[in-house]
Amino acid sequence: MNIDKFIDFDKDKQVIYYNIYLNGENIITKIPIISISKKEKHIENLIIEKLDLLEYPYTFLLNCEQKNL
Protein backbone atom coordinates (compact mmCIF):
# COMPACT_ATOMS: atom_id res chain seq x y z
CA MET A 1 0.00 0.00 0.00
CA ASN A 2 1.34 3.40 -0.99
CA ILE A 3 0.05 6.55 0.75
CA ASP A 4 0.98 10.00 -0.56
CA LYS A 5 -0.18 13.32 0.84
CA PHE A 6 0.08 16.73 -0.76
CA ILE A 7 -0.59 20.18 0.63
CA ASP A 8 -2.77 22.40 -1.53
CA PHE A 9 -4.52 25.75 -1.25
CA ASP A 10 -8.16 26.49 -2.10
CA LYS A 11 -8.16 30.10 -3.34
CA ASP A 12 -11.96 30.41 -3.15
CA LYS A 13 -12.28 29.26 0.47
CA GLN A 14 -8.83 30.57 1.48
CA VAL A 15 -7.93 27.32 3.22
CA ILE A 16 -4.80 25.18 3.09
CA TYR A 17 -5.68 21.49 2.99
CA TYR A 18 -4.36 17.97 2.51
CA ASN A 19 -5.03 15.81 -0.54
CA ILE A 20 -4.37 12.18 0.39
CA TYR A 21 -3.83 9.47 -2.22
CA LEU A 22 -3.93 5.72 -1.51
CA ASN A 23 -2.25 3.65 -4.21
CA GLY A 24 -2.50 6.60 -6.57
CA GLU A 25 -6.23 7.21 -6.05
CA ASN A 26 -7.49 10.37 -4.38
CA ILE A 27 -9.43 9.17 -1.32
CA ILE A 28 -9.59 12.29 0.86
CA THR A 29 -9.67 15.87 -0.34
CA LYS A 30 -9.73 19.23 1.34
CA ILE A 31 -9.12 18.31 4.96
CA PRO A 32 -8.50 21.81 6.35
CA ILE A 33 -5.33 22.49 8.27
CA ILE A 34 -6.34 24.66 11.23
CA SER A 35 -2.93 25.21 12.81
CA ILE A 36 0.19 25.80 10.75
CA SER A 37 3.54 27.47 11.15
CA LYS A 38 5.57 28.78 8.26
CA LYS A 39 9.28 28.39 7.75
CA GLU A 40 9.21 29.60 4.17
CA LYS A 41 6.78 31.45 1.95
CA HIS A 42 6.06 28.38 -0.18
CA ILE A 43 3.23 26.01 0.78
CA GLU A 44 5.53 22.98 0.43
CA ASN A 45 7.60 24.19 3.39
CA LEU A 46 4.73 24.52 5.88
CA ILE A 47 4.95 22.58 9.13
CA ILE A 48 1.64 20.89 9.93
CA GLU A 49 0.73 21.07 13.60
CA LYS A 50 -2.94 20.09 13.64
CA LEU A 51 -5.61 18.99 11.15
CA ASP A 52 -9.30 19.82 11.43
CA LEU A 53 -10.77 16.33 11.12
CA LEU A 54 -14.03 17.10 12.92
CA GLU A 55 -15.89 17.55 9.63
CA TYR A 56 -14.30 14.47 8.08
CA PRO A 57 -14.11 11.80 10.82
CA TYR A 58 -15.26 8.82 8.76
CA THR A 59 -14.16 9.72 5.23
CA PHE A 60 -10.91 7.75 5.31
CA LEU A 61 -12.46 4.61 6.81
CA LEU A 62 -15.46 4.66 4.48
CA ASN A 63 -13.25 5.00 1.41
CA CYS A 64 -11.01 2.16 2.61
CA GLU A 65 -14.02 -0.09 3.22
CA GLN A 66 -15.40 0.69 -0.23
CA LYS A 67 -12.07 -0.31 -1.76
CA ASN A 68 -11.98 -3.51 0.38
CA LEU A 69 -8.70 -2.57 2.07
PDB file of N, CA and C in Angstrom:
ATOM      1  N   MET A   1       0.847  -1.177   0.000  1.00  0.00           N
ATOM      2  CA  MET A   1       0.000   0.000   0.000  1.00  0.00           C
ATOM      3  C   MET A   1       0.892   1.240   0.000  1.00  0.00           C
ATOM      4  N   ASN A   2       0.579   2.179  -0.871  1.00  0.00           N
ATOM      5  CA  ASN A   2       1.340   3.404  -0.988  1.00  0.00           C
ATOM      6  C   ASN A   2       0.434   4.583  -0.650  1.00  0.00           C
ATOM      7  N   ILE A   3       0.831   5.378   0.352  1.00  0.00           N
ATOM      8  CA  ILE A   3       0.049   6.545   0.752  1.00  0.00           C
ATOM      9  C   ILE A   3       0.884   7.794   0.489  1.00  0.00           C
ATOM     10  N   ASP A   4       0.327   8.721  -0.279  1.00  0.00           N
ATOM     11  CA  ASP A   4       0.975  10.001  -0.555  1.00  0.00           C
ATOM     12  C   ASP A   4       0.057  11.109  -0.084  1.00  0.00           C
ATOM     13  N   LYS A   5       0.638  12.178   0.452  1.00  0.00           N
ATOM     14  CA  LYS A   5      -0.176  13.323   0.837  1.00  0.00           C
ATOM     15  C   LYS A   5       0.470  14.591   0.292  1.00  0.00           C
ATOM     16  N   PHE A   6      -0.378  15.493  -0.157  1.00  0.00           N
ATOM     17  CA  PHE A   6       0.077  16.728  -0.758  1.00  0.00           C
ATOM     18  C   PHE A   6      -0.666  17.893  -0.126  1.00  0.00           C
ATOM     19  N   ILE A   7       0.038  18.967   0.115  1.00  0.00           N
ATOM     20  CA  ILE A   7      -0.586  20.176   0.632  1.00  0.00           C
ATOM     21  C   ILE A   7      -1.030  21.017  -0.553  1.00  0.00           C
ATOM     22  N   ASP A   8      -2.241  21.560  -0.465  1.00  0.00           N
ATOM     23  CA  ASP A   8      -2.769  22.395  -1.532  1.00  0.00           C
ATOM     24  C   ASP A   8      -3.489  23.585  -0.910  1.00  0.00           C
ATOM     25  N   PHE A   9      -3.870  24.542  -1.732  1.00  0.00           N
ATOM     26  CA  PHE A   9      -4.524  25.751  -1.248  1.00  0.00           C
ATOM     27  C   PHE A   9      -5.769  26.015  -2.085  1.00  0.00           C
ATOM     28  N   ASP A  10      -6.910  26.157  -1.422  1.00  0.00           N
ATOM     29  CA  ASP A  10      -8.162  26.489  -2.097  1.00  0.00           C
ATOM     30  C   ASP A  10      -8.304  28.009  -2.094  1.00  0.00           C
ATOM     31  N   LYS A  11      -8.130  28.631  -3.255  1.00  0.00           N
ATOM     32  CA  LYS A  11      -8.163  30.096  -3.336  1.00  0.00           C
ATOM     33  C   LYS A  11      -9.541  30.650  -3.012  1.00  0.00           C
ATOM     34  N   ASP A  12     -10.605  29.929  -3.394  1.00  0.00           N
ATOM     35  CA  ASP A  12     -11.960  30.412  -3.149  1.00  0.00           C
ATOM     36  C   ASP A  12     -12.293  30.439  -1.664  1.00  0.00           C
ATOM     37  N   LYS A  13     -11.966  29.359  -0.958  1.00  0.00           N
ATOM     38  CA  LYS A  13     -12.284  29.263   0.469  1.00  0.00           C
ATOM     39  C   LYS A  13     -11.150  29.759   1.356  1.00  0.00           C
ATOM     40  N   GLN A  14      -9.998  30.093   0.752  1.00  0.00           N
ATOM     41  CA  GLN A  14      -8.833  30.574   1.481  1.00  0.00           C
ATOM     42  C   GLN A  14      -8.432  29.604   2.590  1.00  0.00           C
ATOM     43  N   VAL A  15      -8.313  28.328   2.233  1.00  0.00           N
ATOM     44  CA  VAL A  15      -7.928  27.320   3.216  1.00  0.00           C
ATOM     45  C   VAL A  15      -6.831  26.444   2.629  1.00  0.00           C
ATOM     46  N   ILE A  16      -5.851  26.121   3.466  1.00  0.00           N
ATOM     47  CA  ILE A  16      -4.801  25.177   3.087  1.00  0.00           C
ATOM     48  C   ILE A  16      -5.272  23.806   3.536  1.00  0.00           C
ATOM     49  N   TYR A  17      -5.128  22.799   2.677  1.00  0.00           N
ATOM     50  CA  TYR A  17      -5.678  21.491   2.995  1.00  0.00           C
ATOM     51  C   TYR A  17      -4.795  20.378   2.466  1.00  0.00           C
ATOM     52  N   TYR A  18      -5.050  19.178   2.963  1.00  0.00           N
ATOM     53  CA  TYR A  18      -4.364  17.971   2.506  1.00  0.00           C
ATOM     54  C   TYR A  18      -5.169  17.285   1.414  1.00  0.00           C
ATOM     55  N   ASN A  19      -4.497  16.805   0.390  1.00  0.00           N
ATOM     56  CA  ASN A  19      -5.034  15.812  -0.536  1.00  0.00           C
ATOM     57  C   ASN A  19      -4.296  14.526  -0.230  1.00  0.00           C
ATOM     58  N   ILE A  20      -4.997  13.454   0.045  1.00  0.00           N
ATOM     59  CA  ILE A  20      -4.366  12.183   0.390  1.00  0.00           C
ATOM     60  C   ILE A  20      -4.696  11.158  -0.691  1.00  0.00           C
ATOM     61  N   TYR A  21      -3.676  10.473  -1.164  1.00  0.00           N
ATOM     62  CA  TYR A  21      -3.832   9.469  -2.220  1.00  0.00           C
ATOM     63  C   TYR A  21      -3.408   8.112  -1.688  1.00  0.00           C
ATOM     64  N   LEU A  22      -4.236   7.097  -1.884  1.00  0.00           N
ATOM     65  CA  LEU A  22      -3.932   5.722  -1.505  1.00  0.00           C
ATOM     66  C   LEU A  22      -3.763   4.923  -2.785  1.00  0.00           C
ATOM     67  N   ASN A  23      -2.568   4.384  -2.981  1.00  0.00           N
ATOM     68  CA  ASN A  23      -2.248   3.645  -4.210  1.00  0.00           C
ATOM     69  C   ASN A  23      -2.591   4.450  -5.460  1.00  0.00           C
ATOM     70  N   GLY A  24      -2.304   5.743  -5.406  1.00  0.00           N
ATOM     71  CA  GLY A  24      -2.496   6.601  -6.571  1.00  0.00           C
ATOM     72  C   GLY A  24      -3.900   7.129  -6.770  1.00  0.00           C
ATOM     73  N   GLU A  25      -4.858   6.733  -5.915  1.00  0.00           N
ATOM     74  CA  GLU A  25      -6.232   7.208  -6.050  1.00  0.00           C
ATOM     75  C   GLU A  25      -6.534   8.217  -4.954  1.00  0.00           C
ATOM     76  N   ASN A  26      -7.164   9.321  -5.332  1.00  0.00           N
ATOM     77  CA  ASN A  26      -7.495  10.371  -4.379  1.00  0.00           C
ATOM     78  C   ASN A  26      -8.652   9.903  -3.499  1.00  0.00           C
ATOM     79  N   ILE A  27      -8.388   9.687  -2.207  1.00  0.00           N
ATOM     80  CA  ILE A  27      -9.434   9.171  -1.324  1.00  0.00           C
ATOM     81  C   ILE A  27      -9.931  10.200  -0.326  1.00  0.00           C
ATOM     82  N   ILE A  28      -9.146  11.223  -0.026  1.00  0.00           N
ATOM     83  CA  ILE A  28      -9.591  12.289   0.863  1.00  0.00           C
ATOM     84  C   ILE A  28      -9.145  13.607   0.257  1.00  0.00           C
ATOM     85  N   THR A  29     -10.053  14.562   0.172  1.00  0.00           N
ATOM     86  CA  THR A  29      -9.669  15.868  -0.340  1.00  0.00           C
ATOM     87  C   THR A  29     -10.118  16.955   0.613  1.00  0.00           C
ATOM     88  N   LYS A  30      -9.394  18.010   0.612  1.00  0.00           N
ATOM     89  CA  LYS A  30      -9.735  19.227   1.343  1.00  0.00           C
ATOM     90  C   LYS A  30     -10.008  18.996   2.820  1.00  0.00           C
ATOM     91  N   ILE A  31      -9.071  18.376   3.508  1.00  0.00           N
ATOM     92  CA  ILE A  31      -9.121  18.314   4.965  1.00  0.00           C
ATOM     93  C   ILE A  31      -8.408  19.565   5.463  1.00  0.00           C
ATOM     94  N   PRO A  32      -9.132  20.536   6.002  1.00  0.00           N
ATOM     95  CA  PRO A  32      -8.502  21.806   6.351  1.00  0.00           C
ATOM     96  C   PRO A  32      -7.438  21.658   7.429  1.00  0.00           C
ATOM     97  N   ILE A  33      -6.384  22.412   7.268  1.00  0.00           N
ATOM     98  CA  ILE A  33      -5.333  22.488   8.272  1.00  0.00           C
ATOM     99  C   ILE A  33      -5.644  23.717   9.117  1.00  0.00           C
ATOM    100  N   ILE A  34      -5.906  23.533  10.406  1.00  0.00           N
ATOM    101  CA  ILE A  34      -6.335  24.662  11.234  1.00  0.00           C
ATOM    102  C   ILE A  34      -5.199  25.285  12.023  1.00  0.00           C
ATOM    103  N   SER A  35      -4.056  24.641  12.075  1.00  0.00           N
ATOM    104  CA  SER A  35      -2.931  25.215  12.806  1.00  0.00           C
ATOM    105  C   SER A  35      -1.655  24.932  12.026  1.00  0.00           C
ATOM    106  N   ILE A  36      -1.035  25.974  11.528  1.00  0.00           N
ATOM    107  CA  ILE A  36       0.185  25.798  10.753  1.00  0.00           C
ATOM    108  C   ILE A  36       1.233  26.806  11.198  1.00  0.00           C
ATOM    109  N   SER A  37       2.476  26.488  10.957  1.00  0.00           N
ATOM    110  CA  SER A  37       3.537  27.471  11.152  1.00  0.00           C
ATOM    111  C   SER A  37       4.378  27.480   9.894  1.00  0.00           C
ATOM    112  N   LYS A  38       4.831  28.637   9.504  1.00  0.00           N
ATOM    113  CA  LYS A  38       5.567  28.780   8.257  1.00  0.00           C
ATOM    114  C   LYS A  38       7.056  28.928   8.529  1.00  0.00           C
ATOM    115  N   LYS A  39       7.846  28.170   7.771  1.00  0.00           N
ATOM    116  CA  LYS A  39       9.282  28.388   7.754  1.00  0.00           C
ATOM    117  C   LYS A  39       9.649  29.212   6.527  1.00  0.00           C
ATOM    118  N   GLU A  40       8.948  28.943   5.448  1.00  0.00           N
ATOM    119  CA  GLU A  40       9.211  29.603   4.170  1.00  0.00           C
ATOM    120  C   GLU A  40       7.898  30.168   3.639  1.00  0.00           C
ATOM    121  N   LYS A  41       7.979  30.891   2.556  1.00  0.00           N
ATOM    122  CA  LYS A  41       6.778  31.453   1.949  1.00  0.00           C
ATOM    123  C   LYS A  41       6.024  30.427   1.115  1.00  0.00           C
ATOM    124  N   HIS A  42       6.684  29.368   0.696  1.00  0.00           N
ATOM    125  CA  HIS A  42       6.058  28.382  -0.178  1.00  0.00           C
ATOM    126  C   HIS A  42       5.246  27.374   0.631  1.00  0.00           C
ATOM    127  N   ILE A  43       4.113  26.957   0.103  1.00  0.00           N
ATOM    128  CA  ILE A  43       3.229  26.010   0.782  1.00  0.00           C
ATOM    129  C   ILE A  43       3.951  24.709   1.106  1.00  0.00           C
ATOM    130  N   GLU A  44       4.849  24.262   0.228  1.00  0.00           N
ATOM    131  CA  GLU A  44       5.532  22.984   0.426  1.00  0.00           C
ATOM    132  C   GLU A  44       6.365  22.959   1.705  1.00  0.00           C
ATOM    133  N   ASN A  45       6.732  24.127   2.219  1.00  0.00           N
ATOM    134  CA  ASN A  45       7.598  24.190   3.393  1.00  0.00           C
ATOM    135  C   ASN A  45       6.836  24.452   4.690  1.00  0.00           C
ATOM    136  N   LEU A  46       5.510  24.332   4.662  1.00  0.00           N
ATOM    137  CA  LEU A  46       4.728  24.523   5.880  1.00  0.00           C
ATOM    138  C   LEU A  46       4.911  23.349   6.826  1.00  0.00           C
ATOM    139  N   ILE A  47       4.918  23.635   8.111  1.00  0.00           N
ATOM    140  CA  ILE A  47       4.950  22.582   9.129  1.00  0.00           C
ATOM    141  C   ILE A  47       3.521  22.393   9.629  1.00  0.00           C
ATOM    142  N   ILE A  48       3.018  21.175   9.520  1.00  0.00           N
ATOM    143  CA  ILE A  48       1.643  20.893   9.926  1.00  0.00           C
ATOM    144  C   ILE A  48       1.622  20.562  11.411  1.00  0.00           C
ATOM    145  N   GLU A  49       0.831  21.309  12.168  1.00  0.00           N
ATOM    146  CA  GLU A  49       0.726  21.065  13.600  1.00  0.00           C
ATOM    147  C   GLU A  49      -0.578  20.368  13.972  1.00  0.00           C
ATOM    148  N   LYS A  50      -1.648  20.659  13.267  1.00  0.00           N
ATOM    149  CA  LYS A  50      -2.945  20.086  13.635  1.00  0.00           C
ATOM    150  C   LYS A  50      -3.869  20.116  12.428  1.00  0.00           C
ATOM    151  N   LEU A  51      -4.636  19.046  12.238  1.00  0.00           N
ATOM    152  CA  LEU A  51      -5.610  18.986  11.153  1.00  0.00           C
ATOM    153  C   LEU A  51      -7.017  19.072  11.723  1.00  0.00           C
ATOM    154  N   ASP A  52      -7.901  19.754  11.022  1.00  0.00           N
ATOM    155  CA  ASP A  52      -9.299  19.825  11.432  1.00  0.00           C
ATOM    156  C   ASP A  52     -10.044  18.634  10.840  1.00  0.00           C
ATOM    157  N   LEU A  53     -10.109  17.545  11.600  1.00  0.00           N
ATOM    158  CA  LEU A  53     -10.766  16.329  11.119  1.00  0.00           C
ATOM    159  C   LEU A  53     -12.207  16.208  11.609  1.00  0.00           C
ATOM    160  N   LEU A  54     -12.684  17.198  12.360  1.00  0.00           N
ATOM    161  CA  LEU A  54     -14.030  17.099  12.924  1.00  0.00           C
ATOM    162  C   LEU A  54     -15.106  16.982  11.846  1.00  0.00           C
ATOM    163  N   GLU A  55     -14.898  17.628  10.700  1.00  0.00           N
ATOM    164  CA  GLU A  55     -15.891  17.554   9.634  1.00  0.00           C
ATOM    165  C   GLU A  55     -15.729  16.294   8.798  1.00  0.00           C
ATOM    166  N   TYR A  56     -14.603  15.601   8.947  1.00  0.00           N
ATOM    167  CA  TYR A  56     -14.298  14.468   8.080  1.00  0.00           C
ATOM    168  C   TYR A  56     -13.907  13.226   8.874  1.00  0.00           C
ATOM    169  N   PRO A  57     -14.611  12.878   9.960  1.00  0.00           N
ATOM    170  CA  PRO A  57     -14.111  11.801  10.822  1.00  0.00           C
ATOM    171  C   PRO A  57     -14.161  10.414  10.205  1.00  0.00           C
ATOM    172  N   TYR A  58     -15.079  10.176   9.272  1.00  0.00           N
ATOM    173  CA  TYR A  58     -15.256   8.823   8.757  1.00  0.00           C
ATOM    174  C   TYR A  58     -14.838   8.682   7.294  1.00  0.00           C
ATOM    175  N   THR A  59     -14.439   9.747   6.671  1.00  0.00           N
ATOM    176  CA  THR A  59     -14.159   9.715   5.235  1.00  0.00           C
ATOM    177  C   THR A  59     -13.107   8.685   4.878  1.00  0.00           C
ATOM    178  N   PHE A  60     -12.005   8.665   5.619  1.00  0.00           N
ATOM    179  CA  PHE A  60     -10.909   7.747   5.306  1.00  0.00           C
ATOM    180  C   PHE A  60     -11.364   6.298   5.460  1.00  0.00           C
ATOM    181  N   LEU A  61     -12.023   5.982   6.566  1.00  0.00           N
ATOM    182  CA  LEU A  61     -12.457   4.608   6.810  1.00  0.00           C
ATOM    183  C   LEU A  61     -13.489   4.159   5.786  1.00  0.00           C
ATOM    184  N   LEU A  62     -14.431   5.029   5.456  1.00  0.00           N
ATOM    185  CA  LEU A  62     -15.455   4.663   4.478  1.00  0.00           C
ATOM    186  C   LEU A  62     -14.838   4.388   3.118  1.00  0.00           C
ATOM    187  N   ASN A  63     -13.895   5.209   2.703  1.00  0.00           N
ATOM    188  CA  ASN A  63     -13.249   4.998   1.415  1.00  0.00           C
ATOM    189  C   ASN A  63     -12.436   3.719   1.415  1.00  0.00           C
ATOM    190  N   CYS A  64     -11.787   3.402   2.525  1.00  0.00           N
ATOM    191  CA  CYS A  64     -11.011   2.164   2.612  1.00  0.00           C
ATOM    192  C   CYS A  64     -11.936   0.953   2.542  1.00  0.00           C
ATOM    193  N   GLU A  65     -13.076   1.026   3.243  1.00  0.00           N
ATOM    194  CA  GLU A  65     -14.019  -0.089   3.217  1.00  0.00           C
ATOM    195  C   GLU A  65     -14.581  -0.286   1.816  1.00  0.00           C
ATOM    196  N   GLN A  66     -14.859   0.797   1.117  1.00  0.00           N
ATOM    197  CA  GLN A  66     -15.400   0.686  -0.234  1.00  0.00           C
ATOM    198  C   GLN A  66     -14.386   0.064  -1.183  1.00  0.00           C
ATOM    199  N   LYS A  67     -13.116   0.249  -0.908  1.00  0.00           N
ATOM    200  CA  LYS A  67     -12.068  -0.312  -1.761  1.00  0.00           C
ATOM    201  C   LYS A  67     -11.607  -1.677  -1.251  1.00  0.00           C
ATOM    202  N   ASN A  68     -12.294  -2.203  -0.207  1.00  0.00           N
ATOM    203  CA  ASN A  68     -11.975  -3.510   0.378  1.00  0.00           C
ATOM    204  C   ASN A  68     -10.528  -3.607   0.848  1.00  0.00           C
ATOM    205  N   LEU A  69     -10.082  -2.585   1.569  1.00  0.00           N
ATOM    206  CA  LEU A  69      -8.702  -2.575   2.073  1.00  0.00           C
ATOM    207  C   LEU A  69      -8.650  -3.066   3.494  1.00  0.00           C
TER     208      LEU A  69
END
